[in-house]
Amino acid sequence: MRVIEWKLLSDFPELTKNVVHIWKSDLSRLYGIDLNLLSAEELKKADKFRFEPDRKRYLASHLFLRRILSGYARMKPDRIQFQFDDNGRPSLKATDRAPFFDFNLSYSGSMGVVAVTGGNRTGVDIERIDNADYGADIVDRYFSRSETRAIKAVESSEWNEAFFRLWTGKEAFQKAQGGGLHISLDSFSIESLLLDDTVGICFSEESSLQRGFWKITHFIPADGYSGAVAYSDQVTSLEFYELEIAP
């Protein structure tokens, strides 16, 4: 399996259409940072969380997202404005100052990840690996027949890791496609991700998804986590970074 080197950076490298930058951060280091950097809509949504840890993670993840996007857009974090498509997928509101790039956010536990690319769609997903007692139901409901056969052949001691490896891959691709209930998760297959870190996607004949040629790469953002990023075959390089946060 590929060993990923996460480069610790406080500045932002050049972004092109053929590269995806994947940034990670420990969200707990962002707790308590000035919430005035967030929009009224973000603060309103945060207040809807029932449990305080969930609220704090949401706020920290959006502070992290704004910090990343501000570096590429060359504007202050609180100046970032979002627009949303019909499925609620965000993009930067077009302005003379904001260059086009696509991005996607995922967070779980104490970790947050943002994927950014200059000219294509991308999707990213991370999950904290737990005992996944709900995993069998998800497999039956959302996995393709070939994925179901593959994961049922996995040794019980490796099942949780295998489940999250496939689940994050499927979620990342769904997010790259725009998300929403119109995407049937069993209409494509990525069971080969159990054997390789980067794979193509097999579509069912009935699938209405944007076919193109897509890839998914599995990565580990931190011990006890599983992650995946989805991107088009026009991408020639993935670069992994960790945001350096001043104490």
Protein backbone atom coordinates (compact mmCIF):
# COMPACT_ATOMS: atom_id res chain seq x y z
CA MET A 1 0.00 0.00 0.00
CA ARG A 2 1.16 3.52 -0.80
CA VAL A 3 2.63 5.52 2.08
CA ILE A 4 1.47 9.14 1.89
CA GLU A 5 3.70 11.98 2.99
CA TRP A 6 1.67 14.87 4.36
CA LYS A 7 3.68 18.08 3.90
CA LEU A 8 3.18 20.63 6.66
CA LEU A 9 2.55 24.04 5.05
CA SER A 10 1.33 27.46 6.11
CA ASP A 11 1.20 28.86 2.55
CA PHE A 12 -0.50 27.56 -0.57
CA PRO A 13 1.15 25.93 -3.60
CA GLU A 14 0.15 26.66 -7.18
CA LEU A 15 -3.10 25.00 -8.20
CA THR A 16 -3.69 23.71 -11.73
CA LYS A 17 -6.51 21.78 -13.39
CA ASN A 18 -4.45 18.58 -13.49
CA VAL A 19 -3.75 18.44 -9.76
CA VAL A 20 -5.84 17.77 -6.66
CA HIS A 21 -4.58 19.18 -3.37
CA ILE A 22 -5.81 17.32 -0.28
CA TRP A 23 -5.46 19.23 2.99
CA LYS A 24 -5.98 17.83 6.48
CA SER A 25 -6.19 19.39 9.93
CA ASP A 26 -6.85 18.40 13.50
CA LEU A 27 -10.07 20.33 14.05
CA SER A 28 -9.59 20.52 17.81
CA ARG A 29 -6.82 23.05 17.17
CA LEU A 30 -9.40 25.34 15.59
CA TYR A 31 -11.82 25.39 18.52
CA GLY A 32 -12.22 28.91 19.85
CA ILE A 33 -10.90 30.72 16.77
CA ASP A 34 -12.81 33.93 15.95
CA LEU A 35 -16.28 32.87 14.82
CA ASN A 36 -16.73 36.24 13.13
CA LEU A 37 -14.91 34.65 10.19
CA LEU A 38 -18.06 32.60 9.51
CA SER A 39 -21.24 33.76 7.81
CA ALA A 40 -24.58 34.28 9.54
CA GLU A 41 -25.90 31.22 7.69
CA GLU A 42 -23.07 29.02 9.01
CA LEU A 43 -23.62 30.21 12.58
CA LYS A 44 -27.36 29.63 12.26
CA LYS A 45 -26.80 26.08 11.04
CA ALA A 46 -24.33 25.42 13.87
CA ASP A 47 -26.96 26.40 16.43
CA LYS A 48 -29.24 23.64 15.15
CA PHE A 49 -26.93 20.90 16.38
CA ARG A 50 -28.33 19.22 19.47
CA PHE A 51 -25.00 18.24 21.00
CA GLU A 52 -22.19 20.69 21.70
CA PRO A 53 -19.35 18.44 20.37
CA ASP A 54 -21.16 18.23 17.01
CA ARG A 55 -21.61 21.99 16.95
CA LYS A 56 -17.91 22.58 17.70
CA ARG A 57 -16.83 20.16 14.96
CA TYR A 58 -19.09 21.85 12.43
CA LEU A 59 -17.76 25.32 13.30
CA ALA A 60 -14.14 24.15 13.26
CA SER A 61 -14.56 22.37 9.91
CA HIS A 62 -15.96 25.50 8.29
CA LEU A 63 -13.22 27.67 9.75
CA PHE A 64 -10.75 25.18 8.26
CA LEU A 65 -12.53 25.28 4.89
CA ARG A 66 -12.50 29.08 4.81
CA ARG A 67 -8.81 29.14 5.72
CA ILE A 68 -8.00 26.83 2.80
CA LEU A 69 -10.20 28.60 0.26
CA SER A 70 -8.93 32.04 1.27
CA GLY A 71 -5.39 30.89 0.49
CA TYR A 72 -6.30 29.97 -3.08
CA ALA A 73 -8.72 32.85 -3.67
CA ARG A 74 -6.26 35.35 -2.18
CA MET A 75 -8.87 36.98 -0.01
CA LYS A 76 -9.64 37.11 3.70
CA PRO A 77 -11.55 34.11 5.12
CA ASP A 78 -14.56 36.21 6.09
CA ARG A 79 -14.81 37.55 2.52
CA ILE A 80 -15.44 34.09 1.05
CA GLN A 81 -19.00 33.80 -0.29
CA PHE A 82 -20.67 30.57 -1.29
CA GLN A 83 -23.34 29.67 -3.80
CA PHE A 84 -25.16 26.33 -3.88
CA ASP A 85 -26.49 24.10 -6.63
CA ASP A 86 -29.84 22.30 -6.52
CA ASN A 87 -28.34 19.51 -4.41
CA GLY A 88 -26.81 21.90 -1.90
CA ARG A 89 -23.24 21.43 -3.15
CA PRO A 90 -21.26 24.64 -2.48
CA SER A 91 -18.98 26.55 -4.81
CA LEU A 92 -17.36 29.95 -4.59
CA LYS A 93 -19.61 32.79 -5.65
CA ALA A 94 -18.12 34.15 -8.86
CA THR A 95 -16.32 37.47 -8.50
CA ASP A 96 -13.56 39.22 -10.39
CA ARG A 97 -11.16 38.33 -7.59
CA ALA A 98 -12.06 34.67 -7.09
CA PRO A 99 -10.49 32.26 -9.59
CA PHE A 100 -12.41 29.10 -10.48
CA PHE A 101 -11.59 25.98 -8.55
CA ASP A 102 -13.63 23.10 -7.22
CA PHE A 103 -13.49 21.97 -3.60
CA ASN A 104 -15.03 19.51 -1.21
CA LEU A 105 -15.05 19.21 2.58
CA SER A 106 -15.35 16.17 4.84
CA TYR A 107 -14.91 15.79 8.58
CA SER A 108 -15.26 13.02 11.12
CA GLY A 109 -14.19 12.78 14.73
CA SER A 110 -11.43 15.34 15.25
CA MET A 111 -10.17 15.30 11.65
CA GLY A 112 -11.12 17.54 8.73
CA VAL A 113 -10.09 17.20 5.08
CA VAL A 114 -10.54 19.56 2.13
CA ALA A 115 -9.85 18.61 -1.50
CA VAL A 116 -9.22 21.40 -4.03
CA THR A 117 -8.62 21.25 -7.79
CA GLY A 118 -8.27 23.87 -10.49
CA GLY A 119 -10.40 22.66 -13.36
CA ASN A 120 -12.34 19.49 -12.59
CA ARG A 121 -14.81 18.16 -10.06
CA THR A 122 -13.54 16.40 -6.97
CA GLY A 123 -15.07 14.74 -3.94
CA VAL A 124 -13.53 13.65 -0.66
CA ASP A 125 -14.75 11.65 2.32
CA ILE A 126 -13.21 10.57 5.61
CA GLU A 127 -14.62 8.44 8.40
CA ARG A 128 -13.35 7.49 11.81
CA ILE A 129 -13.15 3.70 11.91
CA ASP A 130 -15.39 2.25 14.59
CA ASN A 131 -16.93 -1.18 15.18
CA ALA A 132 -19.39 -0.52 12.30
CA ASP A 133 -22.20 -2.60 13.77
CA TYR A 134 -24.43 -0.80 11.26
CA GLY A 135 -22.14 -1.72 8.34
CA ALA A 136 -23.88 -4.90 7.26
CA ASP A 137 -27.14 -3.02 6.74
CA ILE A 138 -25.37 -0.38 4.62
CA VAL A 139 -23.74 -3.10 2.52
CA ASP A 140 -27.11 -4.73 1.85
CA ARG A 141 -28.80 -1.42 0.99
CA TYR A 142 -26.15 0.53 -0.92
CA PHE A 143 -23.36 -1.72 -2.20
CA SER A 144 -23.40 -3.24 -5.66
CA ARG A 145 -23.61 -7.02 -6.02
CA SER A 146 -19.90 -7.30 -6.85
CA GLU A 147 -18.94 -5.12 -3.87
CA THR A 148 -21.18 -7.19 -1.59
CA ARG A 149 -19.56 -10.42 -2.75
CA ALA A 150 -16.08 -8.95 -2.27
CA ILE A 151 -16.61 -7.63 1.25
CA LYS A 152 -18.36 -10.81 2.42
CA ALA A 153 -15.16 -12.67 1.50
CA VAL A 154 -13.06 -10.48 3.82
CA GLU A 155 -11.80 -11.98 7.08
CA SER A 156 -13.82 -10.83 10.10
CA SER A 157 -10.73 -9.28 11.70
CA GLU A 158 -10.31 -7.00 8.67
CA TRP A 159 -13.98 -6.32 7.97
CA ASN A 160 -14.27 -2.88 9.58
CA GLU A 161 -11.27 -1.50 7.72
CA ALA A 162 -12.53 -2.99 4.44
CA PHE A 163 -16.01 -1.58 4.96
CA PHE A 164 -14.79 1.97 5.57
CA ARG A 165 -12.38 1.72 2.67
CA LEU A 166 -15.26 1.03 0.28
CA TRP A 167 -17.77 3.32 1.99
CA THR A 168 -15.50 6.39 1.88
CA GLY A 169 -14.74 5.64 -1.77
CA LYS A 170 -18.41 5.50 -2.67
CA GLU A 171 -19.20 8.65 -0.70
CA ALA A 172 -16.29 10.55 -2.29
CA PHE A 173 -17.54 9.71 -5.79
CA GLN A 174 -21.12 10.61 -4.90
CA LYS A 175 -19.90 13.99 -3.64
CA ALA A 176 -17.83 14.58 -6.79
CA GLN A 177 -20.99 13.94 -8.82
CA GLY A 178 -22.89 16.53 -6.82
CA GLY A 179 -24.44 14.33 -4.15
CA GLY A 180 -28.17 14.17 -3.65
CA LEU A 181 -30.68 11.35 -3.62
CA HIS A 182 -30.67 11.08 -7.42
CA ILE A 183 -27.43 9.08 -7.22
CA SER A 184 -27.88 5.38 -6.62
CA LEU A 185 -24.86 4.08 -4.73
CA ASP A 186 -25.31 0.55 -6.10
CA SER A 187 -25.12 1.79 -9.71
CA PHE A 188 -21.30 1.77 -9.65
CA SER A 189 -18.68 -0.55 -8.22
CA ILE A 190 -15.24 -0.05 -6.67
CA GLU A 191 -14.56 -3.40 -5.01
CA SER A 192 -11.03 -3.40 -6.45
CA LEU A 193 -10.27 -0.64 -3.91
CA LEU A 194 -9.92 -3.49 -1.41
CA LEU A 195 -6.76 -4.55 -3.25
CA ASP A 196 -5.32 -1.32 -4.71
CA ASP A 197 -5.06 2.25 -3.44
CA THR A 198 -6.15 3.81 -6.77
CA VAL A 199 -8.87 2.30 -8.95
CA GLY A 200 -11.23 3.14 -11.78
CA ILE A 201 -15.02 2.97 -11.44
CA CYS A 202 -17.25 0.35 -13.05
CA PHE A 203 -20.75 1.57 -13.90
CA SER A 204 -23.83 -0.59 -14.22
CA GLU A 205 -25.68 -0.51 -17.54
CA GLU A 206 -28.62 1.21 -15.83
CA SER A 207 -26.49 3.97 -14.32
CA SER A 208 -27.39 7.56 -15.22
CA LEU A 209 -24.21 8.99 -13.67
CA GLN A 210 -21.72 11.13 -15.58
CA ARG A 211 -19.65 8.36 -17.02
CA GLY A 212 -16.37 9.88 -18.09
CA PHE A 213 -13.39 8.13 -16.63
CA TRP A 214 -13.13 8.56 -12.90
CA LYS A 215 -10.61 7.39 -10.34
CA ILE A 216 -10.71 6.93 -6.59
CA THR A 217 -7.68 6.93 -4.33
CA HIS A 218 -7.75 5.61 -0.79
CA PHE A 219 -5.69 7.42 1.86
CA ILE A 220 -5.27 7.44 5.63
CA PRO A 221 -5.60 10.94 7.13
CA ALA A 222 -4.64 9.76 10.63
CA ASP A 223 -4.47 6.58 12.69
CA GLY A 224 -7.94 5.14 13.10
CA TYR A 225 -9.39 6.91 10.05
CA SER A 226 -10.11 5.97 6.45
CA GLY A 227 -10.37 8.39 3.54
CA ALA A 228 -10.88 8.55 -0.21
CA VAL A 229 -10.76 11.19 -2.93
CA ALA A 230 -12.53 10.98 -6.31
CA TYR A 231 -11.34 12.81 -9.42
CA SER A 232 -11.38 12.65 -13.23
CA ASP A 233 -8.72 10.95 -15.32
CA GLN A 234 -7.50 14.40 -16.41
CA VAL A 235 -5.86 14.71 -13.01
CA THR A 236 -2.24 13.57 -13.13
CA SER A 237 -1.15 14.23 -9.55
CA LEU A 238 -2.44 14.17 -5.99
CA GLU A 239 -0.64 16.28 -3.41
CA PHE A 240 -1.23 15.84 0.32
CA TYR A 241 -0.77 18.71 2.78
CA GLU A 242 -1.34 19.44 6.44
CA LEU A 243 -2.29 22.98 7.38
CA GLU A 244 0.14 24.53 9.83
CA ILE A 245 -1.85 26.38 12.47
CA ALA A 246 -0.15 28.91 14.68
CA PRO A 247 -0.57 28.13 18.39
